Each structure stands twice: as C-alpha cells, then as structure tokens.
Protein backbone atom coordinates (compact mmCIF):
# COMPACT_ATOMS: atom_id res chain seq x y z
CA MET A 1 -24.91 -13.04 16.53
CA ALA A 2 -22.12 -10.99 18.36
CA GLU A 3 -23.11 -7.96 16.49
CA VAL A 4 -26.71 -8.35 17.52
CA ALA A 5 -25.70 -8.92 21.04
CA ILE A 6 -23.49 -6.03 21.26
CA ASN A 7 -26.10 -3.62 19.93
CA ALA A 8 -28.68 -4.91 22.24
CA ALA A 9 -26.37 -4.18 25.24
CA LEU A 10 -25.66 -0.71 23.77
CA ASP A 11 -29.55 -0.05 23.57
CA GLU A 12 -30.01 -1.16 27.20
CA VAL A 13 -27.48 1.45 28.16
CA VAL A 14 -29.11 4.12 26.08
CA ARG A 15 -32.59 3.36 27.69
CA LEU A 16 -31.18 3.44 31.25
CA GLU A 17 -29.61 6.80 30.44
CA GLN A 18 -33.16 8.08 29.78
CA ILE A 19 -34.15 7.12 33.37
CA LEU A 20 -31.05 7.57 35.48
CA SER A 21 -29.27 10.80 33.69
CA ASP A 22 -29.36 13.78 35.93
CA TYR A 23 -28.18 15.78 32.71
CA LEU A 24 -31.14 15.03 30.49
CA PRO A 25 -33.99 17.31 31.44
CA ALA A 26 -36.52 14.61 30.13
CA SER A 27 -34.95 11.58 32.03
CA GLU A 28 -37.26 10.17 34.67
CA LEU A 29 -34.67 10.99 37.33
CA SER A 30 -34.75 14.72 36.29
CA GLN A 31 -38.44 14.86 35.89
CA LEU A 32 -38.91 13.40 39.49
CA SER A 33 -36.32 16.19 40.97
CA ALA A 34 -38.50 18.74 39.13
CA ALA A 35 -41.38 17.69 40.97
CA ALA A 36 -39.80 18.46 44.33
CA PRO A 37 -41.40 18.49 46.90
CA THR A 38 -43.78 16.12 45.84
CA ALA A 39 -47.42 16.33 47.18
CA THR A 40 -47.78 12.53 47.19
CA PRO A 41 -45.27 9.61 46.69
CA VAL A 42 -44.41 9.33 43.14
CA ALA A 43 -44.57 5.68 41.53
CA VAL A 44 -41.14 5.04 39.57
CA SER A 45 -39.97 2.46 37.05
CA ASP A 46 -38.37 -0.70 38.25
CA ASP A 47 -34.80 0.66 37.31
CA LEU A 48 -34.97 3.69 39.07
CA TRP A 49 -36.20 1.96 42.10
CA ARG A 50 -33.62 -0.59 42.44
CA VAL A 51 -30.87 2.07 42.05
CA LEU A 52 -32.46 4.27 44.57
CA MET A 53 -32.82 1.31 46.84
CA ARG A 54 -29.18 0.27 46.77
CA SER A 55 -28.14 4.06 46.98
CA VAL A 56 -30.15 4.55 50.33
CA ALA A 57 -28.58 1.23 51.64
CA LEU A 58 -25.19 2.61 50.87
CA ARG A 59 -25.99 6.00 52.47
CA ASP A 60 -27.07 4.31 55.67
CA ALA A 61 -24.00 1.93 55.69
CA SER A 62 -21.73 4.78 55.35
CA GLY A 63 -23.14 7.31 57.65
CA GLY A 64 -23.99 9.83 54.62
CA ALA A 65 -20.74 9.60 52.88
CA PHE A 66 -22.71 8.65 49.88
CA ASP A 67 -26.23 10.26 49.36
CA PRO A 68 -28.51 10.11 46.35
CA THR A 69 -30.01 13.70 47.39
CA VAL A 70 -26.49 15.23 46.82
CA GLY A 71 -27.46 17.03 43.69
CA THR A 72 -27.77 20.70 44.94
CA LEU A 73 -24.23 20.35 46.48
CA THR A 74 -22.76 18.83 43.26
CA THR A 75 -24.31 21.69 41.17
CA LEU A 76 -22.83 24.24 43.57
CA TRP A 77 -19.46 22.40 43.56
CA LYS A 78 -19.18 22.26 39.81
CA ARG A 79 -19.86 26.14 39.73
CA ALA A 80 -17.10 26.64 42.25
CA ARG A 81 -14.58 24.53 40.26
CA ARG A 82 -15.33 26.63 37.12
CA SER A 83 -14.94 29.92 39.02
CA GLY A 84 -11.89 28.96 41.23
CA ARG A 85 -13.70 30.25 44.28
CA LEU A 86 -15.26 28.30 47.37
CA PRO A 87 -19.05 28.59 47.82
CA THR A 88 -19.97 31.17 50.41
CA GLN A 89 -21.21 29.58 53.65
CA GLN A 90 -24.63 30.97 52.91
CA ARG A 91 -24.95 29.02 49.73
CA LEU A 92 -23.57 25.96 51.24
CA GLU A 93 -26.34 26.10 54.02
CA THR A 94 -29.02 26.75 51.53
CA ALA A 95 -28.02 23.78 49.36
CA ARG A 96 -27.65 21.41 52.22
CA GLN A 97 -31.20 22.16 53.44
CA ALA A 98 -32.33 19.95 50.31
CA VAL A 99 -29.78 17.15 51.18
CA GLY A 100 -30.02 14.26 53.58
CA PRO A 101 -32.07 11.27 54.82
CA GLN A 102 -34.93 13.60 55.91
CA THR A 103 -35.58 14.80 52.32
CA LEU A 104 -36.17 11.45 50.84
CA ARG A 105 -38.68 8.70 51.60
CA LEU A 106 -39.07 5.40 49.63
CA ASP A 107 -42.25 3.70 49.76
CA PRO A 108 -41.60 -0.20 49.08
CA ASP A 109 -45.27 -1.15 48.97
CA GLU A 110 -46.17 1.36 46.22
CA GLN A 111 -42.64 1.34 44.62
CA ALA A 112 -42.86 5.19 45.05
CA VAL A 113 -40.67 8.01 46.08
CA GLU A 114 -41.31 11.15 48.02
CA LEU A 115 -39.31 14.21 47.93
CA LYS A 116 -39.69 16.27 51.01
CA ALA A 117 -37.70 19.35 50.17
CA ALA A 118 -38.17 22.29 47.71
CA GLY A 119 -35.23 22.35 45.19
CA MET A 120 -33.99 19.30 46.02
CA ARG A 121 -32.03 17.34 43.06
CA LEU A 122 -31.33 13.70 43.01
CA ASP A 123 -27.84 12.57 41.69
CA LEU A 124 -27.11 8.94 40.96
CA GLY A 125 -23.56 9.68 39.11
CA GLY A 126 -21.66 7.79 41.61
CA ILE A 127 -23.68 4.37 41.19
CA GLY A 128 -25.77 4.80 37.95
CA MET A 129 -22.98 3.78 35.46
CA GLY A 130 -22.23 0.63 37.49
CA TYR A 131 -25.75 -0.32 37.17
CA ALA A 132 -25.99 0.10 33.38
CA ILE A 133 -23.03 -2.01 33.16
CA ASP A 134 -24.57 -4.67 35.20
CA ARG A 135 -27.66 -4.56 32.90
CA ALA A 136 -25.69 -4.74 29.62
CA LEU A 137 -23.76 -7.49 30.94
CA ALA A 138 -27.11 -9.09 31.69
CA VAL A 139 -28.28 -8.69 28.04
CA LEU A 140 -25.01 -10.30 26.78
CA ARG A 141 -25.50 -13.22 29.13
CA GLN A 142 -29.17 -13.56 27.86
CA ARG A 143 -27.72 -13.89 24.37
CA GLN A 144 -25.42 -16.63 25.39
CA VAL A 145 -22.09 -14.42 25.17
CA GLY A 146 -19.51 -16.30 27.21
CA ALA A 147 -16.91 -13.79 27.25
CA ALA A 148 -17.27 -9.87 27.25
CA MET A 149 -16.06 -6.66 28.80
CA VAL A 150 -18.20 -3.47 29.18
CA ASP A 151 -15.74 -0.66 30.00
CA ALA A 152 -17.28 2.82 30.74
CA SER A 153 -14.35 5.41 31.69
CA GLY A 154 -13.10 3.51 34.62
CA ASP A 155 -16.04 1.32 35.46
CA ILE A 156 -15.56 -2.05 34.15
CA GLY A 157 -17.57 -5.21 34.28
CA VAL A 158 -16.57 -8.48 32.79
CA ILE A 159 -18.04 -11.91 31.80
CA GLY A 160 -15.83 -14.90 31.66
CA LYS A 161 -12.40 -14.71 30.07
CA PRO A 162 -10.85 -14.11 26.68
CA PRO A 163 -9.89 -17.61 25.09
CA GLY A 164 -6.18 -18.54 25.92
CA THR A 165 -6.06 -16.40 29.10
CA THR A 166 -6.54 -16.60 32.96
CA GLY A 167 -8.92 -13.60 32.87
CA TRP A 168 -9.37 -10.05 31.58
CA ARG A 169 -6.07 -7.89 31.99
CA ILE A 170 -6.81 -4.63 33.98
CA GLU A 171 -3.92 -2.25 34.38
CA LEU A 172 -4.38 0.23 37.18
CA ASP A 173 -3.39 3.80 37.21
CA PRO A 174 -5.37 5.36 40.09
CA LEU A 175 -3.53 8.72 40.22
CA GLY A 176 -3.14 9.20 36.61
CA ARG A 177 0.48 9.12 36.73
CA ARG A 178 1.10 7.01 33.58
CA GLY A 179 2.84 10.27 32.00
CA ALA A 180 4.98 11.15 35.07
CA GLN A 181 8.33 9.59 33.84
CA ALA A 182 8.13 11.84 30.75
CA ASN A 183 8.26 14.77 33.15
CA GLY A 184 11.35 13.63 34.89
CA GLU A 185 9.24 12.16 37.89
CA GLU A 186 10.12 8.49 39.24
CA MET A 187 7.12 6.40 38.99
CA ALA A 188 6.62 2.56 39.96
CA MET A 189 5.59 0.05 37.37
CA PRO A 190 1.68 -0.01 37.01
CA LEU A 191 -0.01 -2.83 38.59
CA VAL A 192 -2.00 -5.37 36.80
CA LEU A 193 -4.88 -7.62 37.87
CA SER A 194 -6.67 -10.57 35.90
CA LEU A 195 -10.44 -10.35 36.28
CA VAL A 196 -13.17 -12.95 35.65
CA ASP A 197 -16.87 -12.75 36.14
CA ALA A 198 -16.47 -9.50 38.35
CA ALA A 199 -16.35 -5.68 38.29
CA ILE A 200 -13.66 -2.99 38.99
CA THR A 201 -13.88 0.68 39.54
CA THR A 202 -11.28 3.31 40.17
CA SER A 203 -12.52 6.58 41.56
CA GLY A 204 -10.54 9.77 42.32
CA ASP A 205 -9.33 13.05 41.28
CA ALA A 206 -6.75 12.07 38.89
CA PHE A 207 -8.35 13.85 35.84
CA GLN A 208 -10.98 16.09 37.59
CA ALA A 209 -9.60 18.42 40.38
CA VAL A 210 -9.28 21.85 41.18
CA GLU A 211 -6.84 24.11 43.28
CA ILE A 212 -8.35 26.61 45.37
CA ASP A 213 -6.41 28.82 47.94
CA GLY A 214 -3.62 26.19 47.64
CA VAL A 215 -5.81 23.22 48.40
CA ARG A 216 -6.50 20.55 46.06
CA TYR A 217 -10.17 19.41 45.92
CA SER A 218 -11.58 16.42 43.78
CA HIS A 219 -14.68 16.58 41.74
CA ILE A 220 -16.23 14.06 44.07
CA VAL A 221 -18.48 15.99 46.57
CA ASP A 222 -18.66 15.00 50.34
CA PRO A 223 -22.38 15.19 50.97
CA ARG A 224 -21.71 16.12 54.56
CA THR A 225 -19.75 19.08 53.86
CA GLY A 226 -20.74 20.17 50.37
CA LEU A 227 -17.09 20.44 49.26
CA GLY A 228 -14.79 18.22 46.90
CA VAL A 229 -12.73 15.62 48.76
CA ILE A 230 -9.43 17.16 49.81
CA GLY A 231 -6.11 15.60 48.47
CA SER A 232 -4.86 13.50 45.65
CA THR A 233 -6.44 10.22 45.86
CA GLY A 234 -7.54 7.01 43.91
CA VAL A 235 -9.76 4.23 45.25
CA THR A 236 -9.88 1.08 43.36
CA VAL A 237 -12.74 -1.50 44.30
CA ILE A 238 -13.41 -5.00 42.97
CA ALA A 239 -16.76 -6.36 43.68
CA ALA A 240 -19.24 -9.24 42.25
CA ASP A 241 -21.16 -6.50 40.40
CA ALA A 242 -20.46 -3.06 38.67
CA THR A 243 -23.29 -1.48 40.91
CA THR A 244 -21.49 -2.30 44.00
CA ALA A 245 -18.13 -1.46 42.62
CA ASP A 246 -19.23 1.98 41.43
CA GLY A 247 -21.10 3.08 44.56
CA LEU A 248 -18.42 1.78 46.91
CA ALA A 249 -15.58 3.36 45.16
CA THR A 250 -17.37 6.74 45.21
CA THR A 251 -18.14 6.22 49.04
CA LEU A 252 -14.58 5.15 49.75
CA SER A 253 -13.22 8.29 48.04
CA VAL A 254 -15.12 10.14 50.58
CA LEU A 255 -14.42 8.25 53.76
CA GLY A 256 -10.61 7.39 53.17
CA PRO A 257 -8.79 4.25 54.17
CA ALA A 258 -9.41 4.58 58.21
CA ALA A 259 -13.17 4.87 57.85
CA GLY A 260 -13.52 3.09 54.66
CA LEU A 261 -11.75 -0.21 55.29
CA PRO A 262 -14.63 -1.48 57.71
CA LEU A 263 -17.27 -0.76 55.02
CA VAL A 264 -15.15 -2.78 52.50
CA GLU A 265 -14.65 -5.64 54.92
CA ALA A 266 -18.37 -5.70 55.46
CA THR A 267 -19.36 -5.95 51.67
CA HIS A 268 -19.66 -9.45 50.44
CA ALA A 269 -16.91 -10.32 47.93
CA ALA A 270 -15.65 -6.77 47.84
CA ALA A 271 -12.05 -5.40 47.96
CA ALA A 272 -10.37 -2.22 47.77
CA ARG A 273 -7.04 -0.64 47.18
CA PHE A 274 -6.42 3.15 48.47
CA VAL A 275 -3.49 5.33 47.01
CA GLN A 276 -3.04 8.68 48.35
CA LEU A 277 -0.10 11.05 47.92
CA GLU A 278 1.80 11.91 50.96
CA ASP A 279 4.72 14.29 50.32
CA GLY A 280 4.82 13.50 46.80
CA GLN A 281 4.97 9.75 47.31
CA PRO A 282 1.98 7.25 46.95
CA ALA A 283 0.98 5.73 50.27
CA VAL A 284 -1.07 2.47 49.57
CA THR A 285 -3.65 0.73 51.76
CA GLU A 286 -5.17 -2.50 50.89
CA SER A 287 -8.09 -4.37 52.33
CA SER A 288 -7.93 -8.07 53.46
CA ARG A 289 -9.59 -9.47 50.12
CA TRP A 290 -7.43 -7.34 47.80
CA PRO A 291 -5.63 -9.92 45.37
CA HIS A 292 -1.89 -10.10 44.72
CA GLU A 293 -0.76 -7.94 41.97
CA GLN A 294 1.95 -8.61 39.35
CA PRO A 295 4.25 -5.88 37.74
CA SER A 296 3.19 -4.77 34.32
CA PRO A 297 4.82 -6.55 31.41
CA PRO A 298 6.63 -4.23 28.93
CA TYR A 299 3.89 -4.26 26.33
CA PRO A 300 0.58 -1.92 26.48
CA ALA A 301 -2.22 -2.94 28.78
CA THR A 302 -5.31 -3.84 26.83
CA ASN A 303 -7.51 -2.19 29.30
CA ALA A 304 -7.08 0.30 32.13
CA ALA A 305 -8.94 1.42 35.16
CA GLY A 306 -8.76 4.94 36.19
CA SER A 307 -11.14 7.77 36.40
C-alpha cells in the first residue's frame, strides 16, 4: 500500500511538471508563453490557473516583489551570472517591457489568460514547487497515509508526524554554513524545528550566487530591477501549505525584513525568519509567530531545509 501511494504521489509531481515547468518547451506554461502576445485569452488547465491566481495575489500583496511575468528578466540574469557581467541598461529596459501587471490579464469567467506583451515569458519557479508538494501530499492523504514528508531541495511539506515523535525534525541552515567550521570559521549550532501538518521553505543565495564588480548577487531576481538580490541572505518561512511557504519565501528574499515582515504578519498562519550576513556575522530577524527553536543535538539531522 505504501509503495502504491508513493508512486501515485511521484506521478502527480511528474504530471505537474508537464504543466508548470518553464524549462520544458512542451509544457503548458511554455506553450502559453510562446503564444505571446495572445490574440484572445487562452483557456488553461485547473492547475495552471490556480498557480497563476496565487501568483497574481502575491504580486499585488508584495508591490511587485513577486511577479509571474518575470521570465524575460530571469533569463537575462542567468546569462549575466554565467558571463560575470551585469546586463546593459538597454537590455534590462527591453526585458522589463515584457514584465509587470500590465502584461498579464486573468479572465475568471473563462479561466483564461491573456498575454499582452510580445516576447514575454511566464516563470513560476518561485511557487510551482510548493504547489507540486501540496498536490503530492493531497494524493497521499487520499490514500490514507497518516505520516509523510515531501522534500524538494529545501521546499518541505509534511503530514502528521513519525511514530514516537513530536513532529518531523527539520534542521535549518539558511546561509549554507554547515561546513564553515572546517574552514576555521566560528559558527553557531544549527537550529532545529519540529513540524506537524505544515510546510517550510528556505530561500536565499547560500548555494547559488555570483560576485560581479565586488557585489554579491543572488540567483533570485527582483522583478522591479531585473537584477539578483544583493547580499548574503536566507529566509525561512513556515506556513500551512507549501504553495504559501514557497511563494512567500521567494518574495521575502526580495523584500528583506523591513518591508517583508508586514506581509508575513498579514498571511494567515505564516511565520518567517530572516538571516543576513552583516560584517561577517549573521543578523536574525523573526516574525511574531516564529516558533521557539532548540539547539541541534549532536547527531545528524534527518532532514534539512536550505536552498
């Protein structure tokens, strides 16, 4: 029974990749982007519609710090990271013409999407994995699975708790500093959380960053500037579902603690922890609902959140 349930959940993730991926040319998302500008609104599947609706809601709540139309800018920034050179202002301006609320219209009556700008490209990389986790967990629940974890490179969703425990044990490493002591750097003990029927995501530049002209940039693009977020940061979000945790963590990485905390507090059952390096030392800011952490015991964590 367990193997059947696991395979069904994996099949659901594969199915959603064919819908939400911006890497697969044949995915529904990629085909929709390729049709831009659309002559008329294009009807889309239930899954793509749900994710786009959540994305637009987050875009509006964050003042554009999250935007599903950011694809032209993420493509441009990937090239900049590979070359080690910032994109020219002209290229940034050209890419930005295909980004923003004015380029996308959702028609709820027809469950259809209108793309208004030539060359625009939708990108759901900051929220799609969370949605896939939620759908995989839903499949497991339908098959009467009482305790399960789905872990996708730092995006984690859990059902129930393992037998004999108080919850799923999650170790946080938001800045990717687990190996720092081996290099002679002082490092505080990792923090451990216990999670039940919830989701947790860590976003940041711990493993994907580039330094250009002495400035450290993240792989996470600020849709408002077209450039990667500056500075070494890690944001961990706990939420009732993985879609919320994933999208919110991406957004908070762009906003930072000062602008991001009000958004966290306004999001039902959400909590966030910001870690930023200041003069080589981590500075921590936590939202009001952030749970009490405990120092990591001396044995290895069974699961880790960090991406």
